PDB file of N, CA and C in Angstrom:
ATOM      1  N   MET A   1     328.911  89.083 211.615  1.00  0.00           N
ATOM      2  CA  MET A   1     328.624  89.415 212.989  1.00  0.00           C
ATOM      3  C   MET A   1     329.068  88.354 213.866  1.00  0.00           C
ATOM      4  N   PRO A   2     329.743  88.840 215.076  1.00  0.00           N
ATOM      5  CA  PRO A   2     330.265  87.866 215.981  1.00  0.00           C
ATOM      6  C   PRO A   2     328.837  87.291 216.892  1.00  0.00           C
ATOM      7  N   THR A   3     328.951  86.023 217.046  1.00  0.00           N
ATOM      8  CA  THR A   3     327.867  85.392 217.925  1.00  0.00           C
ATOM      9  C   THR A   3     328.630  84.756 218.949  1.00  0.00           C
ATOM     10  N   ASN A   4     328.031  83.855 219.838  1.00  0.00           N
ATOM     11  CA  ASN A   4     328.750  83.058 220.985  1.00  0.00           C
ATOM     12  C   ASN A   4     330.004  82.259 220.474  1.00  0.00           C
ATOM     13  N   THR A   5     329.733  81.440 219.202  1.00  0.00           N
ATOM     14  CA  THR A   5     330.773  80.535 218.980  1.00  0.00           C
ATOM     15  C   THR A   5     331.286  80.900 217.489  1.00  0.00           C
ATOM     16  N   THR A   6     330.553  81.456 216.725  1.00  0.00           N
ATOM     17  CA  THR A   6     330.851  81.683 215.253  1.00  0.00           C
ATOM     18  C   THR A   6     330.566  83.036 214.846  1.00  0.00           C
ATOM     19  N   ASP A   7     331.177  83.472 213.623  1.00  0.00           N
ATOM     20  CA  ASP A   7     330.864  84.669 213.060  1.00  0.00           C
ATOM     21  C   ASP A   7     329.748  84.400 211.978  1.00  0.00           C
ATOM     22  N   THR A   8     328.772  85.345 212.010  1.00  0.00           N
ATOM     23  CA  THR A   8     327.610  85.048 211.028  1.00  0.00           C
ATOM     24  C   THR A   8     327.849  86.165 209.831  1.00  0.00           C
ATOM     25  N   PRO A   9     327.940  85.801 208.683  1.00  0.00           N
ATOM     26  CA  PRO A   9     328.117  86.610 207.491  1.00  0.00           C
ATOM     27  C   PRO A   9     326.823  87.801 207.536  1.00  0.00           C
ATOM     28  N   LYS A  10     327.016  88.909 207.218  1.00  0.00           N
ATOM     29  CA  LYS A  10     326.080  89.831 207.173  1.00  0.00           C
ATOM     30  C   LYS A  10     326.289  90.881 205.929  1.00  0.00           C
ATOM     31  N   GLN A  11     325.188  91.074 205.283  1.00  0.00           N
ATOM     32  CA  GLN A  11     325.282  92.162 204.208  1.00  0.00           C
ATOM     33  C   GLN A  11     324.217  93.202 204.255  1.00  0.00           C
ATOM     34  N   VAL A  12     324.565  94.591 204.318  1.00  0.00           N
ATOM     35  CA  VAL A  12     323.552  95.463 204.418  1.00  0.00           C
ATOM     36  C   VAL A  12     323.489  96.239 203.095  1.00  0.00           C
ATOM     37  N   ILE A  13     322.301  96.338 202.361  1.00  0.00           N
ATOM     38  CA  ILE A  13     322.173  96.806 201.150  1.00  0.00           C
ATOM     39  C   ILE A  13     321.119  97.881 201.128  1.00  0.00           C
ATOM     40  N   ALA A  14     321.595  99.114 200.806  1.00  0.00           N
ATOM     41  CA  ALA A  14     320.692 100.322 200.671  1.00  0.00           C
ATOM     42  C   ALA A  14     320.250 100.444 199.217  1.00  0.00           C
ATOM     43  N   PHE A  15     319.074 100.679 199.063  1.00  0.00           N
ATOM     44  CA  PHE A  15     318.475 100.926 197.747  1.00  0.00           C
ATOM     45  C   PHE A  15     317.475 101.875 197.566  1.00  0.00           C
ATOM     46  N   ARG A  16     317.063 102.248 196.376  1.00  0.00           N
ATOM     47  CA  ARG A  16     316.148 103.204 196.158  1.00  0.00           C
ATOM     48  C   ARG A  16     315.008 102.611 195.222  1.00  0.00           C
ATOM     49  N   ASP A  17     313.851 102.824 195.517  1.00  0.00           N
ATOM     50  CA  ASP A  17     312.824 102.168 194.672  1.00  0.00           C
ATOM     51  C   ASP A  17     312.523 103.437 193.548  1.00  0.00           C
ATOM     52  N   ASP A  18     311.537 103.100 192.592  1.00  0.00           N
ATOM     53  CA  ASP A  18     311.289 103.850 191.483  1.00  0.00           C
ATOM     54  C   ASP A  18     310.793 105.286 191.888  1.00  0.00           C
ATOM     55  N   ARG A  19     310.303 105.386 193.079  1.00  0.00           N
ATOM     56  CA  ARG A  19     309.935 106.685 193.734  1.00  0.00           C
ATOM     57  C   ARG A  19     310.912 107.443 194.358  1.00  0.00           C
ATOM     58  N   ASN A  20     312.068 106.871 194.354  1.00  0.00           N
ATOM     59  CA  ASN A  20     313.239 107.475 195.087  1.00  0.00           C
ATOM     60  C   ASN A  20     313.221 107.399 196.529  1.00  0.00           C
ATOM     61  N   THR A  21     312.447 106.372 197.159  1.00  0.00           N
ATOM     62  CA  THR A  21     312.373 105.984 198.498  1.00  0.00           C
ATOM     63  C   THR A  21     313.559 105.112 198.817  1.00  0.00           C
ATOM     64  N   GLU A  22     314.292 105.523 199.916  1.00  0.00           N
ATOM     65  CA  GLU A  22     315.337 104.664 200.324  1.00  0.00           C
ATOM     66  C   GLU A  22     315.080 103.657 201.298  1.00  0.00           C
ATOM     67  N   MET A  23     315.589 102.373 201.200  1.00  0.00           N
ATOM     68  CA  MET A  23     315.399 101.390 202.126  1.00  0.00           C
ATOM     69  C   MET A  23     316.612 100.566 202.340  1.00  0.00           C
ATOM     70  N   LYS A  24     316.875  99.919 203.511  1.00  0.00           N
ATOM     71  CA  LYS A  24     317.936  99.156 203.594  1.00  0.00           C
ATOM     72  C   LYS A  24     317.464  97.662 203.872  1.00  0.00           C
ATOM     73  N   ILE A  25     318.264  96.781 203.139  1.00  0.00           N
ATOM     74  CA  ILE A  25     317.770  95.212 203.432  1.00  0.00           C
ATOM     75  C   ILE A  25     319.146  94.742 204.091  1.00  0.00           C
ATOM     76  N   ILE A  26     318.792  93.850 205.126  1.00  0.00           N
ATOM     77  CA  ILE A  26     319.839  93.150 205.737  1.00  0.00           C
ATOM     78  C   ILE A  26     319.711  91.748 205.406  1.00  0.00           C
ATOM     79  N   LEU A  27     320.864  91.093 204.827  1.00  0.00           N
ATOM     80  CA  LEU A  27     320.952  89.606 204.711  1.00  0.00           C
ATOM     81  C   LEU A  27     321.811  89.039 205.768  1.00  0.00           C
ATOM     82  N   TRP A  28     321.433  87.908 206.216  1.00  0.00           N
ATOM     83  CA  TRP A  28     322.152  87.332 207.141  1.00  0.00           C
ATOM     84  C   TRP A  28     322.589  85.889 206.841  1.00  0.00           C
ATOM     85  N   GLY A  29     323.770  85.386 207.231  1.00  0.00           N
ATOM     86  CA  GLY A  29     324.098  83.859 206.993  1.00  0.00           C
ATOM     87  C   GLY A  29     324.253  83.565 205.564  1.00  0.00           C
ATOM     88  N   GLN A  30     323.710  82.544 205.300  1.00  0.00           N
ATOM     89  CA  GLN A  30     323.934  82.080 203.752  1.00  0.00           C
ATOM     90  C   GLN A  30     323.341  82.793 202.665  1.00  0.00           C
ATOM     91  N   ARG A  31     322.193  83.713 202.980  1.00  0.00           N
ATOM     92  CA  ARG A  31     321.785  84.514 202.038  1.00  0.00           C
ATOM     93  C   ARG A  31     322.745  85.667 201.807  1.00  0.00           C
ATOM     94  N   ALA A  32     323.390  86.050 202.842  1.00  0.00           N
ATOM     95  CA  ALA A  32     324.467  87.230 202.723  1.00  0.00           C
ATOM     96  C   ALA A  32     325.620  86.768 201.865  1.00  0.00           C
ATOM     97  N   VAL A  33     325.876  85.524 201.866  1.00  0.00           N
ATOM     98  CA  VAL A  33     326.909  84.946 201.201  1.00  0.00           C
ATOM     99  C   VAL A  33     326.465  84.883 199.658  1.00  0.00           C
ATOM    100  N   GLU A  34     325.250  84.527 199.447  1.00  0.00           N
ATOM    101  CA  GLU A  34     324.768  84.200 198.137  1.00  0.00           C
ATOM    102  C   GLU A  34     324.621  85.609 197.352  1.00  0.00           C
ATOM    103  N   PHE A  35     324.390  86.691 198.042  1.00  0.00           N
ATOM    104  CA  PHE A  35     324.184  87.938 197.184  1.00  0.00           C
ATOM    105  C   PHE A  35     325.328  88.470 196.807  1.00  0.00           C
ATOM    106  N   GLU A  36     325.680  88.548 195.451  1.00  0.00           N
ATOM    107  CA  GLU A  36     326.840  88.837 194.785  1.00  0.00           C
ATOM    108  C   GLU A  36     326.921  90.461 194.580  1.00  0.00           C
ATOM    109  N   ALA A  37     327.337  91.076 195.593  1.00  0.00           N
ATOM    110  CA  ALA A  37     327.482  92.539 195.554  1.00  0.00           C
ATOM    111  C   ALA A  37     328.249  93.101 194.635  1.00  0.00           C
ATOM    112  N   GLN A  38     329.601  92.497 194.470  1.00  0.00           N
ATOM    113  CA  GLN A  38     330.468  92.928 193.559  1.00  0.00           C
ATOM    114  C   GLN A  38     330.048  92.975 192.077  1.00  0.00           C
ATOM    115  N   LEU A  39     329.308  91.835 191.685  1.00  0.00           N
ATOM    116  CA  LEU A  39     328.829  91.645 190.466  1.00  0.00           C
ATOM    117  C   LEU A  39     327.597  92.641 190.179  1.00  0.00           C
ATOM    118  N   VAL A  40     326.673  92.876 191.260  1.00  0.00           N
ATOM    119  CA  VAL A  40     325.753  93.934 191.044  1.00  0.00           C
ATOM    120  C   VAL A  40     326.364  95.278 190.994  1.00  0.00           C
ATOM    121  N   TYR A  41     327.388  95.626 191.689  1.00  0.00           N
ATOM    122  CA  TYR A  41     328.039  96.862 191.518  1.00  0.00           C
ATOM    123  C   TYR A  41     328.730  96.960 190.213  1.00  0.00           C
ATOM    124  N   ASP A  42     329.310  96.084 189.831  1.00  0.00           N
ATOM    125  CA  ASP A  42     330.085  96.112 188.393  1.00  0.00           C
ATOM    126  C   ASP A  42     328.910  96.305 187.352  1.00  0.00           C
ATOM    127  N   ASN A  43     327.981  95.534 187.411  1.00  0.00           N
ATOM    128  CA  ASN A  43     326.784  95.672 186.250  1.00  0.00           C
ATOM    129  C   ASN A  43     326.295  97.136 186.519  1.00  0.00           C
ATOM    130  N   GLY A  44     326.106  97.550 187.475  1.00  0.00           N
ATOM    131  CA  GLY A  44     325.510  98.902 187.760  1.00  0.00           C
ATOM    132  C   GLY A  44     326.346 100.090 187.412  1.00  0.00           C
ATOM    133  N   GLN A  45     327.455  99.849 186.938  1.00  0.00           N
ATOM    134  CA  GLN A  45     328.315 100.953 186.491  1.00  0.00           C
ATOM    135  C   GLN A  45     327.911 101.273 184.865  1.00  0.00           C
ATOM    136  N   ASN A  46     327.173 100.324 184.289  1.00  0.00           N
ATOM    137  CA  ASN A  46     326.988 100.381 182.761  1.00  0.00           C
ATOM    138  C   ASN A  46     325.589 100.438 182.565  1.00  0.00           C
ATOM    139  N   LEU A  47     324.795  99.942 183.326  1.00  0.00           N
ATOM    140  CA  LEU A  47     323.331  99.853 183.055  1.00  0.00           C
ATOM    141  C   LEU A  47     322.529  99.760 184.281  1.00  0.00           C
ATOM    142  N   PRO A  48     321.409 100.152 184.443  1.00  0.00           N
ATOM    143  CA  PRO A  48     320.596 100.110 185.717  1.00  0.00           C
ATOM    144  C   PRO A  48     320.387  98.718 186.061  1.00  0.00           C
ATOM    145  N   VAL A  49     320.409  98.365 187.693  1.00  0.00           N
ATOM    146  CA  VAL A  49     320.141  97.125 188.007  1.00  0.00           C
ATOM    147  C   VAL A  49     318.748  97.431 188.870  1.00  0.00           C
ATOM    148  N   ILE A  50     317.821  96.664 188.398  1.00  0.00           N
ATOM    149  CA  ILE A  50     316.515  96.702 188.969  1.00  0.00           C
ATOM    150  C   ILE A  50     316.097  95.474 189.470  1.00  0.00           C
ATOM    151  N   GLY A  51     315.817  95.534 190.713  1.00  0.00           N
ATOM    152  CA  GLY A  51     315.448  94.105 191.445  1.00  0.00           C
ATOM    153  C   GLY A  51     314.085  94.308 192.061  1.00  0.00           C
ATOM    154  N   VAL A  52     313.702  93.012 192.205  1.00  0.00           N
ATOM    155  CA  VAL A  52     312.462  92.592 193.134  1.00  0.00           C
ATOM    156  C   VAL A  52     312.963  91.663 194.144  1.00  0.00           C
ATOM    157  N   PHE A  53     312.586  92.189 195.389  1.00  0.00           N
ATOM    158  CA  PHE A  53     312.969  91.473 196.490  1.00  0.00           C
ATOM    159  C   PHE A  53     311.781  90.781 197.245  1.00  0.00           C
ATOM    160  N   VAL A  54     311.587  89.455 197.483  1.00  0.00           N
ATOM    161  CA  VAL A  54     310.351  88.997 198.044  1.00  0.00           C
ATOM    162  C   VAL A  54     310.758  88.226 199.228  1.00  0.00           C
ATOM    163  N   GLY A  55     309.841  88.127 200.246  1.00  0.00           N
ATOM    164  CA  GLY A  55     309.919  87.320 201.386  1.00  0.00           C
ATOM    165  C   GLY A  55     310.683  88.081 202.567  1.00  0.00           C
ATOM    166  N   LEU A  56     310.569  89.413 202.568  1.00  0.00           N
ATOM    167  CA  LEU A  56     311.344  90.116 203.488  1.00  0.00           C
ATOM    168  C   LEU A  56     310.528  90.595 204.542  1.00  0.00           C
ATOM    169  N   LEU A  57     310.908  90.619 205.758  1.00  0.00           N
ATOM    170  CA  LEU A  57     310.246  91.313 206.945  1.00  0.00           C
ATOM    171  C   LEU A  57     310.600  92.558 207.363  1.00  0.00           C
ATOM    172  N   MET A  58     309.726  93.466 207.896  1.00  0.00           N
ATOM    173  CA  MET A  58     310.122  94.793 208.217  1.00  0.00           C
ATOM    174  C   MET A  58     310.625  94.692 209.847  1.00  0.00           C
ATOM    175  N   ARG A  59     311.786  95.053 209.929  1.00  0.00           N
ATOM    176  CA  ARG A  59     312.361  95.076 211.304  1.00  0.00           C
ATOM    177  C   ARG A  59     313.088  96.225 211.738  1.00  0.00           C
ATOM    178  N   SER A  60     313.268  96.531 212.936  1.00  0.00           N
ATOM    179  CA  SER A  60     314.101  97.692 213.498  1.00  0.00           C
ATOM    180  C   SER A  60     315.417  96.896 213.878  1.00  0.00           C
ATOM    181  N   TYR A  61     316.458  97.787 213.404  1.00  0.00           N
ATOM    182  CA  TYR A  61     317.886  97.325 213.579  1.00  0.00           C
ATOM    183  C   TYR A  61     318.659  98.651 213.777  1.00  0.00           C
ATOM    184  N   ASN A  62     319.384  98.604 214.991  1.00  0.00           N
ATOM    185  CA  ASN A  62     320.266  99.852 215.224  1.00  0.00           C
ATOM    186  C   ASN A  62     319.331 101.171 215.159  1.00  0.00           C
ATOM    187  N   ASN A  63     318.056 101.189 215.596  1.00  0.00           N
ATOM    188  CA  ASN A  63     317.123 102.281 215.582  1.00  0.00           C
ATOM    189  C   ASN A  63     316.886 102.750 214.063  1.00  0.00           C
ATOM    190  N   ASP A  64     316.738 101.735 213.153  1.00  0.00           N
ATOM    191  CA  ASP A  64     316.512 102.110 211.849  1.00  0.00           C
ATOM    192  C   ASP A  64     315.589 101.036 211.263  1.00  0.00           C
ATOM    193  N   GLU A  65     314.612 101.507 210.657  1.00  0.00           N
ATOM    194  CA  GLU A  65     313.733 100.475 210.041  1.00  0.00           C
ATOM    195  C   GLU A  65     314.286 100.008 208.852  1.00  0.00           C
ATOM    196  N   THR A  66     314.432  98.622 208.731  1.00  0.00           N
ATOM    197  CA  THR A  66     314.966  97.889 207.805  1.00  0.00           C
ATOM    198  C   THR A  66     314.250  96.641 207.323  1.00  0.00           C
ATOM    199  N   LEU A  67     314.614  96.120 206.125  1.00  0.00           N
ATOM    200  CA  LEU A  67     314.041  94.853 205.661  1.00  0.00           C
ATOM    201  C   LEU A  67     314.939  93.912 205.975  1.00  0.00           C
ATOM    202  N   SER A  68     314.460  92.658 206.384  1.00  0.00           N
ATOM    203  CA  SER A  68     315.277  91.525 206.918  1.00  0.00           C
ATOM    204  C   SER A  68     314.714  90.178 206.140  1.00  0.00           C
ATOM    205  N   ARG A  69     315.743  89.369 205.808  1.00  0.00           N
ATOM    206  CA  ARG A  69     315.259  88.135 205.170  1.00  0.00           C
ATOM    207  C   ARG A  69     314.306  87.298 205.885  1.00  0.00           C
ATOM    208  N   GLY A  70     313.149  86.861 205.409  1.00  0.00           N
ATOM    209  CA  GLY A  70     312.409  85.886 205.875  1.00  0.00           C
ATOM    210  C   GLY A  70     312.970  84.542 205.544  1.00  0.00           C
ATOM    211  N   SER A  71     312.251  83.594 205.773  1.00  0.00           N
ATOM    212  CA  SER A  71     312.523  82.192 205.339  1.00  0.00           C
ATOM    213  C   SER A  71     312.406  82.047 203.742  1.00  0.00           C
ATOM    214  N   ALA A  72     311.520  82.799 203.238  1.00  0.00           N
ATOM    215  CA  ALA A  72     311.063  82.790 201.849  1.00  0.00           C
ATOM    216  C   ALA A  72     311.778  83.834 201.013  1.00  0.00           C
ATOM    217  N   CYS A  73     312.918  84.313 201.518  1.00  0.00           N
ATOM    218  CA  CYS A  73     313.526  85.435 200.861  1.00  0.00           C
ATOM    219  C   CYS A  73     314.117  85.164 199.588  1.00  0.00           C
ATOM    220  N   ARG A  74     313.812  85.869 198.451  1.00  0.00           N
ATOM    221  CA  ARG A  74     314.516  85.673 197.171  1.00  0.00           C
ATOM    222  C   ARG A  74     314.548  87.142 196.413  1.00  0.00           C
ATOM    223  N   TRP A  75     315.556  87.160 195.567  1.00  0.00           N
ATOM    224  CA  TRP A  75     315.661  88.365 194.830  1.00  0.00           C
ATOM    225  C   TRP A  75     315.724  88.060 193.441  1.00  0.00           C
ATOM    226  N   TYR A  76     315.240  88.907 192.591  1.00  0.00           N
ATOM    227  CA  TYR A  76     315.314  88.863 191.062  1.00  0.00           C
ATOM    228  C   TYR A  76     315.892  90.205 190.617  1.00  0.00           C
ATOM    229  N   LEU A  77     317.119  90.141 190.054  1.00  0.00           N
ATOM    230  CA  LEU A  77     317.848  91.245 189.446  1.00  0.00           C
ATOM    231  C   LEU A  77     317.838  91.131 187.905  1.00  0.00           C
ATOM    232  N   ASN A  78     317.268  92.248 187.382  1.00  0.00           N
ATOM    233  CA  ASN A  78     317.280  92.520 185.953  1.00  0.00           C
ATOM    234  C   ASN A  78     316.895  91.323 185.162  1.00  0.00           C
ATOM    235  N   GLU A  79     315.773  90.585 185.925  1.00  0.00           N
ATOM    236  CA  GLU A  79     315.105  89.327 185.177  1.00  0.00           C
ATOM    237  C   GLU A  79     314.041  89.773 184.335  1.00  0.00           C
ATOM    238  N   ASP A  80     313.627  88.960 183.519  1.00  0.00           N
ATOM    239  CA  ASP A  80     312.641  89.239 182.475  1.00  0.00           C
ATOM    240  C   ASP A  80     311.287  88.835 183.012  1.00  0.00           C
ATOM    241  N   ILE A  81     310.852  89.872 184.008  1.00  0.00           N
ATOM    242  CA  ILE A  81     309.599  89.713 184.493  1.00  0.00           C
ATOM    243  C   ILE A  81     308.831  91.068 184.338  1.00  0.00           C
ATOM    244  N   PRO A  82     307.501  91.141 184.459  1.00  0.00           N
ATOM    245  CA  PRO A  82     306.789  92.298 184.099  1.00  0.00           C
ATOM    246  C   PRO A  82     307.064  93.437 184.854  1.00  0.00           C
ATOM    247  N   GLU A  83     307.342  93.341 186.138  1.00  0.00           N
ATOM    248  CA  GLU A  83     307.674  94.442 187.048  1.00  0.00           C
ATOM    249  C   GLU A  83     308.970  95.175 186.832  1.00  0.00           C
ATOM    250  N   ILE A  84     309.910  94.295 186.454  1.00  0.00           N
ATOM    251  CA  ILE A  84     311.279  94.825 186.021  1.00  0.00           C
ATOM    252  C   ILE A  84     311.146  95.326 184.702  1.00  0.00           C
ATOM    253  N   ASP A  85     310.483  94.844 183.757  1.00  0.00           N
ATOM    254  CA  ASP A  85     310.369  95.305 182.325  1.00  0.00           C
ATOM    255  C   ASP A  85     309.828  96.713 182.422  1.00  0.00           C
ATOM    256  N   ASP A  86     308.780  96.743 183.209  1.00  0.00           N
ATOM    257  CA  ASP A  86     308.064  98.167 183.202  1.00  0.00           C
ATOM    258  C   ASP A  86     308.899  99.195 183.955  1.00  0.00           C
ATOM    259  N   SER A  87     309.819  98.946 184.753  1.00  0.00           N
ATOM    260  CA  SER A  87     310.738  99.697 185.448  1.00  0.00           C
ATOM    261  C   SER A  87     311.857 100.214 184.605  1.00  0.00           C
ATOM    262  N   PHE A  88     312.259  99.193 183.778  1.00  0.00           N
ATOM    263  CA  PHE A  88     313.239  99.636 182.687  1.00  0.00           C
ATOM    264  C   PHE A  88     312.558 100.637 181.526  1.00  0.00           C
ATOM    265  N   GLU A  89     311.363 100.329 181.291  1.00  0.00           N
ATOM    266  CA  GLU A  89     310.638 101.444 180.327  1.00  0.00           C
ATOM    267  C   GLU A  89     310.492 102.770 181.027  1.00  0.00           C
ATOM    268  N   ARG A  90     310.170 102.887 182.249  1.00  0.00           N
ATOM    269  CA  ARG A  90     309.974 103.990 182.806  1.00  0.00           C
ATOM    270  C   ARG A  90     311.394 104.803 183.034  1.00  0.00           C
ATOM    271  N   LEU A  91     312.371 104.152 183.312  1.00  0.00           N
ATOM    272  CA  LEU A  91     313.672 104.651 183.467  1.00  0.00           C
ATOM    273  C   LEU A  91     314.342 105.173 182.259  1.00  0.00           C
ATOM    274  N   GLY A  92     314.270 104.332 181.243  1.00  0.00           N
ATOM    275  CA  GLY A  92     314.783 104.763 180.054  1.00  0.00           C
ATOM    276  C   GLY A  92     316.440 104.714 180.331  1.00  0.00           C
ATOM    277  N   ASP A  93     317.154 105.821 179.654  1.00  0.00           N
ATOM    278  CA  ASP A  93     318.616 105.891 179.807  1.00  0.00           C
ATOM    279  C   ASP A  93     319.025 106.698 181.075  1.00  0.00           C
ATOM    280  N   ASP A  94     317.977 107.088 181.828  1.00  0.00           N
ATOM    281  CA  ASP A  94     318.258 107.937 182.893  1.00  0.00           C
ATOM    282  C   ASP A  94     318.471 107.164 184.274  1.00  0.00           C
ATOM    283  N   PHE A  95     319.692 106.825 184.536  1.00  0.00           N
ATOM    284  CA  PHE A  95     319.892 105.971 185.891  1.00  0.00           C
ATOM    285  C   PHE A  95     321.233 106.426 186.488  1.00  0.00           C
ATOM    286  N   GLN A  96     321.313 106.231 187.734  1.00  0.00           N
ATOM    287  CA  GLN A  96     322.364 106.604 188.457  1.00  0.00           C
ATOM    288  C   GLN A  96     323.237 105.248 188.767  1.00  0.00           C
ATOM    289  N   LYS A  97     324.575 105.437 188.505  1.00  0.00           N
ATOM    290  CA  LYS A  97     325.513 104.278 188.753  1.00  0.00           C
ATOM    291  C   LYS A  97     325.285 103.771 190.192  1.00  0.00           C
ATOM    292  N   ILE A  98     325.471 102.528 190.371  1.00  0.00           N
ATOM    293  CA  ILE A  98     325.466 101.888 191.923  1.00  0.00           C
ATOM    294  C   ILE A  98     326.688 102.534 192.638  1.00  0.00           C
ATOM    295  N   GLN A  99     326.483 102.840 193.791  1.00  0.00           N
ATOM    296  CA  GLN A  99     327.602 103.330 194.566  1.00  0.00           C
ATOM    297  C   GLN A  99     328.048 102.461 195.752  1.00  0.00           C
ATOM    298  N   TRP A 100     329.231 102.222 196.144  1.00  0.00           N
ATOM    299  CA  TRP A 100     329.525 101.582 197.408  1.00  0.00           C
ATOM    300  C   TRP A 100     329.429 102.648 198.428  1.00  0.00           C
ATOM    301  N   ILE A 101     328.434 102.378 199.610  1.00  0.00           N
ATOM    302  CA  ILE A 101     328.472 103.311 200.623  1.00  0.00           C
ATOM    303  C   ILE A 101     329.631 102.938 201.755  1.00  0.00           C
ATOM    304  N   SER A 102     329.827 101.810 201.770  1.00  0.00           N
ATOM    305  CA  SER A 102     330.912 101.352 202.652  1.00  0.00           C
ATOM    306  C   SER A 102     330.930  99.776 202.510  1.00  0.00           C
ATOM    307  N   ASN A 103     332.257  99.364 202.677  1.00  0.00           N
ATOM    308  CA  ASN A 103     332.425  97.880 202.541  1.00  0.00           C
ATOM    309  C   ASN A 103     332.109  97.232 203.976  1.00  0.00           C
ATOM    310  N   GLY A 104     331.833  98.047 204.994  1.00  0.00           N
ATOM    311  CA  GLY A 104     331.394  97.438 206.342  1.00  0.00           C
ATOM    312  C   GLY A 104     332.558  96.778 207.090  1.00  0.00           C
ATOM    313  N   ALA A 105     333.744  96.631 206.506  1.00  0.00           N
ATOM    314  CA  ALA A 105     334.839  95.930 207.301  1.00  0.00           C
ATOM    315  C   ALA A 105     335.078  96.251 208.610  1.00  0.00           C
ATOM    316  N   GLU A 106     335.104  97.815 208.786  1.00  0.00           N
ATOM    317  CA  GLU A 106     335.487  98.322 209.944  1.00  0.00           C
ATOM    318  C   GLU A 106     334.110  98.214 210.986  1.00  0.00           C
ATOM    319  N   LYS A 107     332.992  98.362 210.391  1.00  0.00           N
ATOM    320  CA  LYS A 107     331.790  98.490 211.028  1.00  0.00           C
ATOM    321  C   LYS A 107     331.198  97.171 211.612  1.00  0.00           C
ATOM    322  N   PHE A 108     331.464  96.055 210.876  1.00  0.00           N
ATOM    323  CA  PHE A 108     330.919  94.767 211.199  1.00  0.00           C
ATOM    324  C   PHE A 108     332.228  93.733 211.499  1.00  0.00           C
ATOM    325  N   ALA A 109     333.279  94.233 211.843  1.00  0.00           N
ATOM    326  CA  ALA A 109     334.423  93.394 212.112  1.00  0.00           C
ATOM    327  C   ALA A 109     334.019  92.634 213.387  1.00  0.00           C
ATOM    328  N   ALA A 110     334.696  91.502 213.592  1.00  0.00           N
ATOM    329  CA  ALA A 110     334.439  90.795 215.033  1.00  0.00           C
ATOM    330  C   ALA A 110     334.958  91.624 216.075  1.00  0.00           C
ATOM    331  N   LYS A 111     334.184  91.755 217.016  1.00  0.00           N
ATOM    332  CA  LYS A 111     334.580  92.454 218.198  1.00  0.00           C
ATOM    333  C   LYS A 111     335.502  91.745 219.230  1.00  0.00           C
ATOM    334  N   ARG A 112     336.437  92.404 219.764  1.00  0.00           N
ATOM    335  CA  ARG A 112     337.410  91.772 220.635  1.00  0.00           C
ATOM    336  C   ARG A 112     336.707  91.475 221.782  1.00  0.00           C
ATOM    337  N   ASN A 113     337.360  90.460 222.476  1.00  0.00           N
ATOM    338  CA  ASN A 113     336.732  89.973 223.785  1.00  0.00           C
ATOM    339  C   ASN A 113     337.244  91.056 224.845  1.00  0.00           C
ATOM    340  N   ARG A 114     336.380  91.526 225.881  1.00  0.00           N
ATOM    341  CA  ARG A 114     336.827  92.287 226.811  1.00  0.00           C
ATOM    342  C   ARG A 114     338.269  92.067 227.452  1.00  0.00           C
ATOM    343  N   GLY A 115     338.442  90.815 227.585  1.00  0.00           N
ATOM    344  CA  GLY A 115     339.675  90.401 228.298  1.00  0.00           C
ATOM    345  C   GLY A 115     340.910  90.711 227.526  1.00  0.00           C
ATOM    346  N   ASP A 116     340.707  90.874 226.060  1.00  0.00           N
ATOM    347  CA  ASP A 116     341.775  91.106 225.244  1.00  0.00           C
ATOM    348  C   ASP A 116     342.133  92.681 225.320  1.00  0.00           C
ATOM    349  N   LEU A 117     341.352  93.518 225.765  1.00  0.00           N
ATOM    350  CA  LEU A 117     341.662  94.937 225.690  1.00  0.00           C
ATOM    351  C   LEU A 117     342.663  95.367 226.912  1.00  0.00           C
ATOM    352  N   PRO A 118     343.444  96.355 226.585  1.00  0.00           N
ATOM    353  CA  PRO A 118     344.440  96.726 227.525  1.00  0.00           C
ATOM    354  C   PRO A 118     343.762  97.458 228.802  1.00  0.00           C
ATOM    355  N   GLN A 119     344.142  97.251 229.967  1.00  0.00           N
ATOM    356  CA  GLN A 119     343.655  98.018 231.204  1.00  0.00           C
ATOM    357  C   GLN A 119     344.212  99.372 231.133  1.00  0.00           C
ATOM    358  N   LYS A 120     343.519 100.455 231.563  1.00  0.00           N
ATOM    359  CA  LYS A 120     343.870 101.735 231.739  1.00  0.00           C
ATOM    360  C   LYS A 120     343.106 102.360 232.742  1.00  0.00           C
ATOM    361  N   THR A 121     343.872 103.216 233.536  1.00  0.00           N
ATOM    362  CA  THR A 121     343.131 104.164 234.572  1.00  0.00           C
ATOM    363  C   THR A 121     342.418 105.282 233.990  1.00  0.00           C
ATOM    364  N   VAL A 122     341.696 105.956 234.679  1.00  0.00           N
ATOM    365  CA  VAL A 122     340.898 107.229 234.243  1.00  0.00           C
ATOM    366  C   VAL A 122     341.993 108.343 233.779  1.00  0.00           C
ATOM    367  N   ASP A 123     343.111 108.242 234.669  1.00  0.00           N
ATOM    368  CA  ASP A 123     344.191 109.345 234.231  1.00  0.00           C
ATOM    369  C   ASP A 123     344.896 108.897 233.083  1.00  0.00           C
ATOM    370  N   GLU A 124     345.054 107.616 232.752  1.00  0.00           N
ATOM    371  CA  GLU A 124     345.810 107.249 231.508  1.00  0.00           C
ATOM    372  C   GLU A 124     344.988 107.510 230.250  1.00  0.00           C
ATOM    373  N   LEU A 125     343.579 107.443 230.596  1.00  0.00           N
ATOM    374  CA  LEU A 125     342.748 107.731 229.424  1.00  0.00           C
ATOM    375  C   LEU A 125     342.770 109.170 229.190  1.00  0.00           C
TER     376      LEU A 125
END
């Protein structure tokens, strides 16, 4: 996302919990870079990807309730921890493949400066 002097990396991740409730997580800066979306997607084509996200804060972003990283944000994907193991047992072989919703390139591209835009009259528009 563009800021005053630099572009800040951003990742928006939509996921469903084991009760089929959908939520979005927004990762900014270094945390967005660290999240390996392509690897998660590739793994999610052959087996379920179950994650535990911690250290997130509920925020409103673009009129949508989202989870955003806090300073203690961490994630555990398909790790050997009881919560994930329990979810694998409940899920069994019934899982949906991970889907790309959007690569976000067009949505989150750096915005042009107003001075760079062509000038048009109302009639020309």
